[in-house]
Amino acid sequence: MQQVLQYHILDYNKMRERGHVYAPFFYKGYFMRWQCAIDVGSYYIKVVEGKKKNGRLVIRRIGYFPNPAPNLKEGLIEREQDIFAKALKDFLNKHKIISKQGILSTGGAGTVIHYFEIPDLPREEIESAIQLEIIQVVPGGTKNLEYDYILLPGKDNKKTVLFVGYYKERCEFFTSTIQMAGIKPLIMDYDGLALLNSFRFFHKKQEDIIS
């Protein structure tokens, strides 16, 4: 039982051999690069290795193990960084997760989520308007953040901005920790938006119910 709690891993190759995975949903071989998604929670680190093929998600490995450094993203302590990187690297090697590129998620402390409206400005003026807004809610404005945003339809000739930012110091510490484990970070996503995108991917016919 203890081993199951520490290293819960589903090997889809073995599941297919046992008849637990139907052939149409399983693809053998490497038609595209496998990528590794890593979610670091306070208690567990979750890992999924997969790829997208023909509009479907192909999963090769999925598992989790206890987080040996629960305060990694808040404390920014180098000793915990070493402990975390070693634990993640050992887990990846033990379960033969071959991906060298990673998709990361973040949330909680250090994350800035902000909705606001701006006038219907020319594209070259949008960035300045966003910086002016963010400096009112975050000390130092965007210069201290790694950030991105999307423009959503608004009312009365306005646009709604969904802004997501993550403090640079935390981002650099987190991504360098992942690199120490042998994974090159490709994308940093926000937990809530990642969940929404996942729902939309698996329920394409129900997108009209999402507002």
N, C-alpha and C. Protein backbone atom coordinates (compact mmCIF):
# COMPACT_ATOMS: atom_id res chain seq x y z
N MET A 1 0.83 -1.20 0.00
CA MET A 1 0.00 0.00 0.00
C MET A 1 0.86 1.25 0.00
N GLN A 2 1.95 1.23 0.78
CA GLN A 2 2.81 2.40 0.85
C GLN A 2 3.42 2.71 -0.52
N GLN A 3 3.83 1.67 -1.24
CA GLN A 3 4.42 1.89 -2.55
C GLN A 3 3.41 2.49 -3.52
N VAL A 4 2.16 2.04 -3.42
CA VAL A 4 1.12 2.58 -4.30
C VAL A 4 0.91 4.06 -4.01
N LEU A 5 0.92 4.44 -2.73
CA LEU A 5 0.72 5.83 -2.36
C LEU A 5 1.88 6.70 -2.82
N GLN A 6 3.08 6.16 -2.79
CA GLN A 6 4.25 6.95 -3.15
C GLN A 6 4.44 7.05 -4.66
N TYR A 7 4.18 5.97 -5.37
CA TYR A 7 4.40 5.97 -6.81
C TYR A 7 3.22 5.31 -7.51
N HIS A 8 2.22 6.10 -7.78
CA HIS A 8 1.03 5.59 -8.47
C HIS A 8 1.21 5.91 -9.95
N ILE A 9 1.44 4.91 -10.76
CA ILE A 9 1.75 5.12 -12.17
C ILE A 9 0.91 4.18 -13.02
N LEU A 10 0.37 4.69 -14.09
CA LEU A 10 -0.39 3.87 -15.02
C LEU A 10 0.43 3.69 -16.29
N ASP A 11 0.78 2.48 -16.61
CA ASP A 11 1.54 2.19 -17.82
C ASP A 11 0.56 1.77 -18.90
N TYR A 12 0.33 2.63 -19.88
CA TYR A 12 -0.70 2.36 -20.87
C TYR A 12 -0.29 1.26 -21.84
N ASN A 13 1.02 0.99 -21.97
CA ASN A 13 1.45 -0.15 -22.78
C ASN A 13 0.96 -1.45 -22.14
N LYS A 14 1.17 -1.59 -20.83
CA LYS A 14 0.74 -2.80 -20.13
C LYS A 14 -0.78 -2.90 -20.10
N MET A 15 -1.45 -1.77 -19.94
CA MET A 15 -2.91 -1.79 -19.91
C MET A 15 -3.47 -2.28 -21.25
N ARG A 16 -2.83 -1.88 -22.33
CA ARG A 16 -3.30 -2.31 -23.65
C ARG A 16 -3.09 -3.81 -23.82
N GLU A 17 -1.94 -4.31 -23.33
CA GLU A 17 -1.67 -5.74 -23.44
C GLU A 17 -2.72 -6.55 -22.68
N ARG A 18 -3.21 -5.98 -21.59
CA ARG A 18 -4.21 -6.68 -20.78
C ARG A 18 -5.63 -6.45 -21.29
N GLY A 19 -5.76 -5.68 -22.36
CA GLY A 19 -7.07 -5.44 -22.93
C GLY A 19 -7.85 -4.33 -22.25
N HIS A 20 -7.16 -3.49 -21.46
CA HIS A 20 -7.85 -2.43 -20.74
C HIS A 20 -7.91 -1.13 -21.52
N VAL A 21 -7.20 -1.06 -22.64
CA VAL A 21 -7.23 0.14 -23.48
C VAL A 21 -7.58 -0.29 -24.89
N TYR A 22 -8.60 0.29 -25.47
CA TYR A 22 -9.02 -0.08 -26.81
C TYR A 22 -8.04 0.46 -27.84
N ALA A 23 -7.74 -0.35 -28.83
CA ALA A 23 -6.73 -0.01 -29.83
C ALA A 23 -6.95 1.33 -30.52
N PRO A 24 -8.20 1.72 -30.90
CA PRO A 24 -8.38 2.99 -31.58
C PRO A 24 -7.94 4.20 -30.77
N PHE A 25 -7.86 4.05 -29.44
CA PHE A 25 -7.48 5.18 -28.60
C PHE A 25 -6.03 5.11 -28.17
N PHE A 26 -5.31 4.14 -28.67
CA PHE A 26 -3.91 3.98 -28.29
C PHE A 26 -3.05 3.98 -29.54
N TYR A 27 -1.98 4.74 -29.50
CA TYR A 27 -1.10 4.84 -30.65
C TYR A 27 0.31 4.44 -30.25
N LYS A 28 0.84 3.45 -30.91
CA LYS A 28 2.18 2.98 -30.60
C LYS A 28 3.17 3.66 -31.53
N GLY A 29 4.29 4.08 -30.98
CA GLY A 29 5.28 4.77 -31.79
C GLY A 29 5.31 6.25 -31.47
N TYR A 30 6.21 6.97 -32.10
CA TYR A 30 6.42 8.37 -31.79
C TYR A 30 6.24 9.21 -33.05
N PHE A 31 4.99 9.49 -33.39
CA PHE A 31 4.69 10.27 -34.57
C PHE A 31 4.92 11.76 -34.30
N MET A 32 4.79 12.14 -33.06
CA MET A 32 5.09 13.49 -32.63
C MET A 32 5.88 13.37 -31.34
N ARG A 33 6.49 14.46 -30.92
CA ARG A 33 7.25 14.42 -29.68
C ARG A 33 6.31 14.29 -28.48
N TRP A 34 6.67 13.39 -27.60
CA TRP A 34 5.95 13.30 -26.33
C TRP A 34 6.33 14.50 -25.48
N GLN A 35 5.38 15.00 -24.73
CA GLN A 35 5.65 16.11 -23.83
C GLN A 35 5.16 15.77 -22.44
N CYS A 36 5.80 16.37 -21.47
CA CYS A 36 5.54 16.04 -20.08
C CYS A 36 4.88 17.24 -19.39
N ALA A 37 3.69 17.03 -18.84
CA ALA A 37 3.00 18.07 -18.08
C ALA A 37 3.22 17.81 -16.59
N ILE A 38 3.62 18.85 -15.86
CA ILE A 38 3.95 18.71 -14.45
C ILE A 38 3.15 19.71 -13.63
N ASP A 39 2.40 19.20 -12.67
CA ASP A 39 1.63 20.06 -11.77
C ASP A 39 2.18 19.86 -10.36
N VAL A 40 2.66 20.94 -9.76
CA VAL A 40 3.27 20.86 -8.43
C VAL A 40 2.27 21.35 -7.39
N GLY A 41 1.73 20.43 -6.62
CA GLY A 41 0.81 20.78 -5.56
C GLY A 41 1.51 20.79 -4.21
N SER A 42 0.81 21.22 -3.19
CA SER A 42 1.40 21.28 -1.85
C SER A 42 1.74 19.90 -1.31
N TYR A 43 0.97 18.89 -1.71
CA TYR A 43 1.17 17.55 -1.18
C TYR A 43 1.71 16.56 -2.21
N TYR A 44 1.31 16.72 -3.46
CA TYR A 44 1.73 15.77 -4.48
C TYR A 44 2.19 16.49 -5.75
N ILE A 45 3.10 15.83 -6.45
CA ILE A 45 3.53 16.27 -7.77
C ILE A 45 2.89 15.32 -8.77
N LYS A 46 2.13 15.88 -9.71
CA LYS A 46 1.44 15.07 -10.71
C LYS A 46 2.13 15.21 -12.06
N VAL A 47 2.30 14.08 -12.74
CA VAL A 47 3.03 14.06 -14.01
C VAL A 47 2.20 13.31 -15.05
N VAL A 48 2.08 13.90 -16.24
CA VAL A 48 1.42 13.24 -17.36
C VAL A 48 2.32 13.36 -18.58
N GLU A 49 2.56 12.24 -19.25
CA GLU A 49 3.33 12.25 -20.49
C GLU A 49 2.38 11.90 -21.63
N GLY A 50 2.29 12.78 -22.61
CA GLY A 50 1.36 12.53 -23.70
C GLY A 50 1.65 13.40 -24.90
N LYS A 51 0.74 13.32 -25.87
CA LYS A 51 0.85 14.14 -27.07
C LYS A 51 -0.53 14.21 -27.74
N LYS A 52 -0.68 15.15 -28.62
CA LYS A 52 -1.91 15.29 -29.38
C LYS A 52 -1.71 14.71 -30.77
N LYS A 53 -2.63 13.85 -31.18
CA LYS A 53 -2.54 13.25 -32.51
C LYS A 53 -3.94 13.08 -33.08
N ASN A 54 -4.12 13.63 -34.28
CA ASN A 54 -5.42 13.52 -34.97
C ASN A 54 -6.57 14.02 -34.10
N GLY A 55 -6.32 15.11 -33.37
CA GLY A 55 -7.37 15.70 -32.56
C GLY A 55 -7.66 14.97 -31.26
N ARG A 56 -6.84 13.97 -30.93
CA ARG A 56 -7.04 13.22 -29.69
C ARG A 56 -5.81 13.34 -28.80
N LEU A 57 -6.04 13.18 -27.52
CA LEU A 57 -4.95 13.18 -26.55
C LEU A 57 -4.49 11.75 -26.31
N VAL A 58 -3.22 11.50 -26.58
CA VAL A 58 -2.63 10.18 -26.37
C VAL A 58 -1.78 10.25 -25.11
N ILE A 59 -2.09 9.44 -24.12
CA ILE A 59 -1.36 9.44 -22.85
C ILE A 59 -0.52 8.18 -22.74
N ARG A 60 0.76 8.37 -22.48
CA ARG A 60 1.68 7.23 -22.34
C ARG A 60 1.95 6.90 -20.88
N ARG A 61 2.07 7.91 -20.05
CA ARG A 61 2.32 7.72 -18.63
C ARG A 61 1.53 8.77 -17.84
N ILE A 62 1.05 8.38 -16.67
CA ILE A 62 0.40 9.33 -15.78
C ILE A 62 0.64 8.84 -14.35
N GLY A 63 1.04 9.75 -13.47
CA GLY A 63 1.33 9.32 -12.11
C GLY A 63 1.55 10.48 -11.16
N TYR A 64 1.78 10.15 -9.90
CA TYR A 64 2.04 11.19 -8.91
C TYR A 64 2.92 10.63 -7.80
N PHE A 65 3.54 11.53 -7.05
CA PHE A 65 4.33 11.13 -5.89
C PHE A 65 4.36 12.29 -4.90
N PRO A 66 4.64 12.01 -3.62
CA PRO A 66 4.61 13.06 -2.60
C PRO A 66 5.61 14.17 -2.89
N ASN A 67 5.20 15.39 -2.65
CA ASN A 67 6.07 16.55 -2.86
C ASN A 67 7.05 16.65 -1.69
N PRO A 68 8.36 16.49 -1.95
CA PRO A 68 9.33 16.55 -0.85
C PRO A 68 9.66 17.97 -0.42
N ALA A 69 9.18 18.97 -1.18
CA ALA A 69 9.46 20.37 -0.85
C ALA A 69 8.17 21.18 -1.02
N PRO A 70 7.22 21.06 -0.09
CA PRO A 70 5.90 21.68 -0.24
C PRO A 70 5.93 23.20 -0.41
N ASN A 71 6.97 23.85 0.12
CA ASN A 71 7.03 25.31 0.05
C ASN A 71 7.96 25.81 -1.05
N LEU A 72 8.21 24.96 -2.03
CA LEU A 72 9.19 25.30 -3.07
C LEU A 72 8.88 26.62 -3.76
N LYS A 73 7.65 26.79 -4.23
CA LYS A 73 7.31 27.97 -5.04
C LYS A 73 7.10 29.23 -4.21
N GLU A 74 6.93 29.07 -2.90
CA GLU A 74 6.76 30.23 -2.04
C GLU A 74 8.05 30.62 -1.32
N GLY A 75 8.80 29.59 -0.86
CA GLY A 75 9.98 29.86 -0.06
C GLY A 75 11.22 30.25 -0.84
N LEU A 76 11.33 29.75 -2.09
CA LEU A 76 12.50 30.03 -2.95
C LEU A 76 13.80 29.69 -2.23
N ILE A 77 13.85 28.50 -1.61
CA ILE A 77 15.02 28.07 -0.86
C ILE A 77 15.82 27.08 -1.71
N GLU A 78 17.11 27.35 -1.88
CA GLU A 78 17.94 26.53 -2.77
C GLU A 78 18.03 25.09 -2.31
N ARG A 79 18.08 24.87 -1.01
CA ARG A 79 18.16 23.49 -0.51
C ARG A 79 16.93 22.69 -0.93
N GLU A 80 15.75 23.31 -0.82
CA GLU A 80 14.52 22.63 -1.25
C GLU A 80 14.52 22.44 -2.77
N GLN A 81 15.13 23.36 -3.48
CA GLN A 81 15.24 23.24 -4.93
C GLN A 81 15.99 21.97 -5.31
N ASP A 82 17.10 21.71 -4.64
CA ASP A 82 17.89 20.51 -4.91
C ASP A 82 17.11 19.24 -4.58
N ILE A 83 16.41 19.25 -3.44
CA ILE A 83 15.64 18.08 -3.02
C ILE A 83 14.53 17.79 -4.02
N PHE A 84 13.83 18.84 -4.44
CA PHE A 84 12.72 18.69 -5.39
C PHE A 84 13.22 18.16 -6.73
N ALA A 85 14.28 18.77 -7.26
CA ALA A 85 14.80 18.38 -8.57
C ALA A 85 15.24 16.92 -8.58
N LYS A 86 15.90 16.48 -7.52
CA LYS A 86 16.35 15.08 -7.44
C LYS A 86 15.16 14.12 -7.39
N ALA A 87 14.14 14.47 -6.59
CA ALA A 87 12.97 13.60 -6.48
C ALA A 87 12.24 13.48 -7.81
N LEU A 88 12.09 14.60 -8.52
CA LEU A 88 11.41 14.58 -9.81
C LEU A 88 12.22 13.80 -10.84
N LYS A 89 13.52 14.02 -10.86
CA LYS A 89 14.37 13.31 -11.82
C LYS A 89 14.35 11.81 -11.57
N ASP A 90 14.41 11.40 -10.31
CA ASP A 90 14.36 9.98 -9.96
C ASP A 90 13.03 9.36 -10.39
N PHE A 91 11.94 10.10 -10.20
CA PHE A 91 10.61 9.60 -10.58
C PHE A 91 10.52 9.41 -12.09
N LEU A 92 10.99 10.40 -12.85
CA LEU A 92 10.94 10.32 -14.30
C LEU A 92 11.77 9.14 -14.82
N ASN A 93 12.96 8.97 -14.24
CA ASN A 93 13.84 7.87 -14.68
C ASN A 93 13.26 6.51 -14.30
N LYS A 94 12.74 6.40 -13.09
CA LYS A 94 12.22 5.12 -12.62
C LYS A 94 11.07 4.63 -13.49
N HIS A 95 10.24 5.55 -13.94
CA HIS A 95 9.06 5.16 -14.70
C HIS A 95 9.22 5.40 -16.21
N LYS A 96 10.47 5.60 -16.62
CA LYS A 96 10.82 5.67 -18.04
C LYS A 96 10.01 6.72 -18.79
N ILE A 97 9.87 7.87 -18.17
CA ILE A 97 9.24 9.00 -18.84
C ILE A 97 10.31 9.69 -19.67
N ILE A 98 10.17 9.63 -20.99
CA ILE A 98 11.24 10.00 -21.90
C ILE A 98 11.22 11.46 -22.32
N SER A 99 10.14 12.17 -22.04
CA SER A 99 10.00 13.55 -22.49
C SER A 99 11.10 14.43 -21.91
N LYS A 100 11.61 15.32 -22.73
CA LYS A 100 12.59 16.29 -22.27
C LYS A 100 12.05 17.71 -22.34
N GLN A 101 10.78 17.83 -22.71
CA GLN A 101 10.13 19.14 -22.78
C GLN A 101 8.93 19.13 -21.85
N GLY A 102 8.75 20.22 -21.10
CA GLY A 102 7.72 20.22 -20.08
C GLY A 102 6.72 21.35 -20.19
N ILE A 103 5.49 21.06 -19.80
CA ILE A 103 4.43 22.05 -19.68
C ILE A 103 4.11 22.17 -18.20
N LEU A 104 4.20 23.38 -17.66
CA LEU A 104 4.06 23.60 -16.23
C LEU A 104 2.78 24.37 -15.94
N SER A 105 2.31 24.27 -14.71
CA SER A 105 1.15 25.06 -14.31
C SER A 105 1.47 25.78 -13.01
N THR A 106 0.79 26.88 -12.82
CA THR A 106 0.99 27.65 -11.60
C THR A 106 -0.34 28.17 -11.10
N GLY A 107 -0.35 28.59 -9.87
CA GLY A 107 -1.56 29.14 -9.26
C GLY A 107 -1.24 29.52 -7.83
N GLY A 108 -2.19 30.13 -7.17
CA GLY A 108 -1.98 30.50 -5.78
C GLY A 108 -1.07 31.71 -5.63
N ALA A 109 -0.23 31.69 -4.59
CA ALA A 109 0.63 32.83 -4.28
C ALA A 109 1.54 33.16 -5.45
N GLY A 110 1.68 34.44 -5.71
CA GLY A 110 2.57 34.89 -6.78
C GLY A 110 1.90 35.02 -8.12
N THR A 111 0.64 34.58 -8.22
CA THR A 111 -0.08 34.66 -9.49
C THR A 111 -1.04 35.85 -9.47
N VAL A 112 -1.05 36.59 -10.55
CA VAL A 112 -1.93 37.76 -10.67
C VAL A 112 -2.96 37.49 -11.76
N ILE A 113 -4.23 37.50 -11.39
CA ILE A 113 -5.33 37.36 -12.34
C ILE A 113 -6.17 38.63 -12.27
N HIS A 114 -6.37 39.26 -13.41
CA HIS A 114 -7.08 40.55 -13.38
C HIS A 114 -7.93 40.71 -14.64
N TYR A 115 -9.22 40.99 -14.43
CA TYR A 115 -10.14 41.34 -15.51
C TYR A 115 -10.35 42.85 -15.49
N PHE A 116 -10.34 43.47 -16.65
CA PHE A 116 -10.66 44.89 -16.71
C PHE A 116 -11.03 45.26 -18.14
N GLU A 117 -11.61 46.44 -18.29
CA GLU A 117 -12.05 46.90 -19.60
C GLU A 117 -11.16 48.03 -20.09
N ILE A 118 -10.96 48.07 -21.39
CA ILE A 118 -10.24 49.17 -22.02
C ILE A 118 -11.06 49.65 -23.22
N PRO A 119 -10.85 50.88 -23.65
CA PRO A 119 -11.55 51.34 -24.87
C PRO A 119 -11.12 50.50 -26.08
N ASP A 120 -11.88 50.59 -27.13
CA ASP A 120 -11.55 49.87 -28.36
C ASP A 120 -10.41 50.60 -29.07
N LEU A 121 -9.19 50.35 -28.60
CA LEU A 121 -8.01 51.07 -29.07
C LEU A 121 -7.36 50.38 -30.26
N PRO A 122 -6.56 51.11 -31.04
CA PRO A 122 -5.72 50.46 -32.05
C PRO A 122 -4.75 49.49 -31.37
N ARG A 123 -4.37 48.44 -32.07
CA ARG A 123 -3.53 47.40 -31.47
C ARG A 123 -2.24 47.96 -30.88
N GLU A 124 -1.64 48.94 -31.53
CA GLU A 124 -0.35 49.45 -31.05
C GLU A 124 -0.49 50.22 -29.73
N GLU A 125 -1.71 50.55 -29.32
CA GLU A 125 -1.91 51.28 -28.07
C GLU A 125 -2.39 50.39 -26.93
N ILE A 126 -2.71 49.15 -27.24
CA ILE A 126 -3.28 48.25 -26.24
C ILE A 126 -2.28 47.94 -25.13
N GLU A 127 -1.03 47.66 -25.50
CA GLU A 127 -0.01 47.30 -24.51
C GLU A 127 0.17 48.41 -23.48
N SER A 128 0.20 49.66 -23.93
CA SER A 128 0.36 50.78 -23.00
C SER A 128 -0.82 50.90 -22.05
N ALA A 129 -2.02 50.66 -22.58
CA ALA A 129 -3.22 50.73 -21.74
C ALA A 129 -3.21 49.64 -20.68
N ILE A 130 -2.74 48.46 -21.05
CA ILE A 130 -2.67 47.35 -20.09
C ILE A 130 -1.63 47.64 -19.01
N GLN A 131 -0.48 48.16 -19.41
CA GLN A 131 0.55 48.48 -18.42
C GLN A 131 0.06 49.55 -17.44
N LEU A 132 -0.68 50.51 -17.94
CA LEU A 132 -1.22 51.57 -17.08
C LEU A 132 -2.20 50.99 -16.06
N GLU A 133 -3.00 50.02 -16.47
CA GLU A 133 -3.96 49.39 -15.56
C GLU A 133 -3.24 48.54 -14.52
N ILE A 134 -2.28 47.74 -14.95
CA ILE A 134 -1.62 46.79 -14.04
C ILE A 134 -0.79 47.51 -12.98
N ILE A 135 -0.21 48.65 -13.33
CA ILE A 135 0.61 49.36 -12.35
C ILE A 135 -0.24 49.87 -11.19
N GLN A 136 -1.56 49.93 -11.39
CA GLN A 136 -2.46 50.36 -10.32
C GLN A 136 -2.81 49.22 -9.36
N VAL A 137 -2.57 47.98 -9.77
CA VAL A 137 -2.94 46.84 -8.92
C VAL A 137 -1.73 46.01 -8.47
N VAL A 138 -0.59 46.18 -9.16
CA VAL A 138 0.62 45.44 -8.81
C VAL A 138 1.78 46.42 -8.66
N PRO A 139 2.44 46.46 -7.51
CA PRO A 139 3.60 47.35 -7.35
C PRO A 139 4.65 47.08 -8.42
N GLY A 140 5.05 48.12 -9.12
CA GLY A 140 6.05 47.96 -10.17
C GLY A 140 5.46 47.61 -11.53
N GLY A 141 4.16 47.30 -11.56
CA GLY A 141 3.52 46.99 -12.83
C GLY A 141 4.06 45.73 -13.48
N THR A 142 4.07 45.72 -14.80
CA THR A 142 4.44 44.52 -15.55
C THR A 142 5.93 44.23 -15.54
N LYS A 143 6.77 45.19 -15.13
CA LYS A 143 8.22 44.97 -15.19
C LYS A 143 8.66 43.86 -14.24
N ASN A 144 7.85 43.56 -13.21
CA ASN A 144 8.20 42.50 -12.26
C ASN A 144 7.49 41.19 -12.57
N LEU A 145 6.79 41.14 -13.69
CA LEU A 145 5.97 39.97 -14.01
C LEU A 145 6.35 39.33 -15.34
N GLU A 146 6.19 38.01 -15.39
CA GLU A 146 6.07 37.31 -16.66
C GLU A 146 4.57 37.24 -16.90
N TYR A 147 4.09 37.71 -18.03
CA TYR A 147 2.65 37.84 -18.18
C TYR A 147 2.18 37.60 -19.61
N ASP A 148 0.88 37.41 -19.72
CA ASP A 148 0.22 37.32 -21.01
C ASP A 148 -1.22 37.77 -20.82
N TYR A 149 -1.90 38.03 -21.91
CA TYR A 149 -3.29 38.46 -21.81
C TYR A 149 -4.02 38.12 -23.10
N ILE A 150 -5.34 38.08 -23.00
CA ILE A 150 -6.17 37.91 -24.19
C ILE A 150 -7.25 38.98 -24.16
N LEU A 151 -7.71 39.36 -25.33
CA LEU A 151 -8.78 40.35 -25.46
C LEU A 151 -10.09 39.62 -25.73
N LEU A 152 -11.10 39.95 -24.94
CA LEU A 152 -12.41 39.34 -25.07
C LEU A 152 -13.42 40.40 -25.51
N PRO A 153 -14.48 39.98 -26.16
CA PRO A 153 -15.49 40.96 -26.58
C PRO A 153 -16.06 41.70 -25.38
N GLY A 154 -16.25 43.00 -25.53
CA GLY A 154 -16.82 43.81 -24.47
C GLY A 154 -18.11 44.49 -24.92
N LYS A 155 -18.57 45.42 -24.12
CA LYS A 155 -19.80 46.14 -24.43
C LYS A 155 -19.48 47.63 -24.61
N ASP A 156 -20.36 48.30 -25.31
CA ASP A 156 -20.26 49.76 -25.48
C ASP A 156 -18.90 50.16 -26.06
N ASN A 157 -18.50 49.50 -27.14
CA ASN A 157 -17.24 49.81 -27.83
C ASN A 157 -16.02 49.67 -26.92
N LYS A 158 -16.08 48.70 -26.02
CA LYS A 158 -14.94 48.42 -25.15
C LYS A 158 -14.51 46.97 -25.32
N LYS A 159 -13.30 46.67 -24.85
CA LYS A 159 -12.79 45.31 -24.85
C LYS A 159 -12.49 44.89 -23.42
N THR A 160 -12.74 43.62 -23.14
CA THR A 160 -12.41 43.07 -21.83
C THR A 160 -11.06 42.37 -21.92
N VAL A 161 -10.19 42.65 -20.97
CA VAL A 161 -8.86 42.06 -20.95
C VAL A 161 -8.79 41.03 -19.82
N LEU A 162 -8.35 39.83 -20.15
CA LEU A 162 -8.03 38.82 -19.13
C LEU A 162 -6.51 38.78 -19.03
N PHE A 163 -6.00 39.24 -17.91
CA PHE A 163 -4.55 39.36 -17.69
C PHE A 163 -4.10 38.30 -16.68
N VAL A 164 -3.03 37.59 -17.02
CA VAL A 164 -2.45 36.60 -16.12
C VAL A 164 -0.96 36.89 -15.99
N GLY A 165 -0.49 37.05 -14.76
CA GLY A 165 0.92 37.33 -14.53
C GLY A 165 1.48 36.48 -13.41
N TYR A 166 2.80 36.28 -13.44
CA TYR A 166 3.49 35.51 -12.41
C TYR A 166 4.80 36.22 -12.12
N TYR A 167 5.09 36.44 -10.85
CA TYR A 167 6.28 37.20 -10.49
C TYR A 167 7.55 36.56 -11.06
N LYS A 168 8.39 37.38 -11.69
CA LYS A 168 9.57 36.89 -12.39
C LYS A 168 10.49 36.08 -11.49
N GLU A 169 10.69 36.55 -10.27
CA GLU A 169 11.60 35.85 -9.36
C GLU A 169 11.11 34.42 -9.10
N ARG A 170 9.81 34.27 -8.86
CA ARG A 170 9.25 32.95 -8.62
C ARG A 170 9.29 32.09 -9.88
N CYS A 171 8.98 32.72 -11.01
CA CYS A 171 8.97 32.00 -12.28
C CYS A 171 10.35 31.46 -12.62
N GLU A 172 11.37 32.30 -12.48
CA GLU A 172 12.74 31.88 -12.80
C GLU A 172 13.21 30.78 -11.87
N PHE A 173 12.86 30.88 -10.59
CA PHE A 173 13.26 29.86 -9.62
C PHE A 173 12.59 28.53 -9.95
N PHE A 174 11.30 28.57 -10.26
CA PHE A 174 10.53 27.36 -10.55
C PHE A 174 11.03 26.69 -11.84
N THR A 175 11.19 27.48 -12.90
CA THR A 175 11.62 26.89 -14.17
C THR A 175 13.05 26.35 -14.10
N SER A 176 13.92 27.03 -13.35
CA SER A 176 15.29 26.53 -13.22
C SER A 176 15.31 25.22 -12.43
N THR A 177 14.38 25.08 -11.48
CA THR A 177 14.28 23.83 -10.71
C THR A 177 13.88 22.68 -11.63
N ILE A 178 12.92 22.93 -12.50
CA ILE A 178 12.48 21.90 -13.45
C ILE A 178 13.62 21.53 -14.40
N GLN A 179 14.41 22.52 -14.81
CA GLN A 179 15.55 22.26 -15.69
C GLN A 179 16.59 21.39 -15.00
N MET A 180 16.75 21.57 -13.69
CA MET A 180 17.69 20.74 -12.93
C MET A 180 17.29 19.27 -12.97
N ALA A 181 16.00 19.01 -13.18
CA ALA A 181 15.51 17.63 -13.26
C ALA A 181 15.61 17.07 -14.67
N GLY A 182 16.13 17.88 -15.61
CA GLY A 182 16.32 17.41 -16.98
C GLY A 182 15.18 17.72 -17.93
N ILE A 183 14.26 18.59 -17.52
CA ILE A 183 13.11 18.96 -18.35
C ILE A 183 13.24 20.42 -18.78
N LYS A 184 13.06 20.66 -20.08
CA LYS A 184 13.09 22.03 -20.60
C LYS A 184 11.67 22.59 -20.61
N PRO A 185 11.38 23.62 -19.80
CA PRO A 185 10.03 24.19 -19.77
C PRO A 185 9.68 24.87 -21.10
N LEU A 186 8.50 24.54 -21.61
CA LEU A 186 8.01 25.14 -22.85
C LEU A 186 6.90 26.15 -22.58
N ILE A 187 5.99 25.78 -21.68
CA ILE A 187 4.79 26.59 -21.43
C ILE A 187 4.55 26.66 -19.93
N MET A 188 4.17 27.85 -19.46
CA MET A 188 3.70 28.01 -18.09
C MET A 188 2.23 28.41 -18.16
N ASP A 189 1.35 27.57 -17.64
CA ASP A 189 -0.09 27.81 -17.73
C ASP A 189 -0.65 28.07 -16.34
N TYR A 190 -1.79 28.74 -16.30
CA TYR A 190 -2.47 28.98 -15.03
C TYR A 190 -3.47 27.85 -14.79
N ASP A 191 -3.51 27.34 -13.56
CA ASP A 191 -4.31 26.15 -13.25
C ASP A 191 -5.75 26.25 -13.74
N GLY A 192 -6.41 27.37 -13.42
CA GLY A 192 -7.81 27.51 -13.77
C GLY A 192 -8.05 27.51 -15.27
N LEU A 193 -7.18 28.20 -16.02
CA LEU A 193 -7.33 28.24 -17.47
C LEU A 193 -6.99 26.89 -18.10
N ALA A 194 -6.02 26.19 -17.51
CA ALA A 194 -5.66 24.86 -18.01
C ALA A 194 -6.85 23.91 -17.86
N LEU A 195 -7.55 24.02 -16.73
CA LEU A 195 -8.73 23.18 -16.50
C LEU A 195 -9.83 23.50 -17.51
N LEU A 196 -10.03 24.79 -17.78
CA LEU A 196 -11.04 25.19 -18.76
C LEU A 196 -10.68 24.69 -20.16
N ASN A 197 -9.42 24.84 -20.54
CA ASN A 197 -8.98 24.37 -21.86
C ASN A 197 -9.13 22.85 -21.98
N SER A 198 -8.87 22.15 -20.88
CA SER A 198 -9.03 20.69 -20.89
C SER A 198 -10.50 20.32 -21.12
N PHE A 199 -11.40 21.02 -20.43
CA PHE A 199 -12.82 20.75 -20.60
C PHE A 199 -13.24 21.00 -22.04
N ARG A 200 -12.77 22.09 -22.61
CA ARG A 200 -13.15 22.43 -23.99
C ARG A 200 -12.58 21.42 -24.98
N PHE A 201 -11.39 20.88 -24.69
CA PHE A 201 -10.78 19.90 -25.58
C PHE A 201 -11.59 18.60 -25.60
N PHE A 202 -12.02 18.15 -24.41
CA PHE A 202 -12.72 16.88 -24.32
C PHE A 202 -14.22 16.99 -24.55
N HIS A 203 -14.74 18.20 -24.54
CA HIS A 203 -16.18 18.39 -24.72
C HIS A 203 -16.43 19.47 -25.78
N LYS A 204 -15.88 19.24 -26.95
CA LYS A 204 -15.98 20.24 -28.02
C LYS A 204 -17.42 20.57 -28.38
N LYS A 205 -18.31 19.61 -28.28
CA LYS A 205 -19.70 19.84 -28.66
C LYS A 205 -20.47 20.63 -27.61
N GLN A 206 -19.85 20.85 -26.44
CA GLN A 206 -20.54 21.55 -25.37
C GLN A 206 -19.95 22.93 -25.11
N GLU A 207 -19.15 23.44 -26.04
CA GLU A 207 -18.49 24.72 -25.83
C GLU A 207 -19.48 25.86 -25.64
N ASP A 208 -20.69 25.71 -26.20
CA ASP A 208 -21.65 26.80 -26.09
C ASP A 208 -22.17 26.98 -24.67
N ILE A 209 -21.92 26.00 -23.77
CA ILE A 209 -22.39 26.16 -22.40
C ILE A 209 -21.36 26.88 -21.54
N ILE A 210 -20.18 27.14 -22.10
CA ILE A 210 -19.11 27.81 -21.35
C ILE A 210 -19.20 29.30 -21.60
N SER A 211 -19.34 30.07 -20.56
CA SER A 211 -19.42 31.52 -20.72
C SER A 211 -18.19 32.18 -20.15
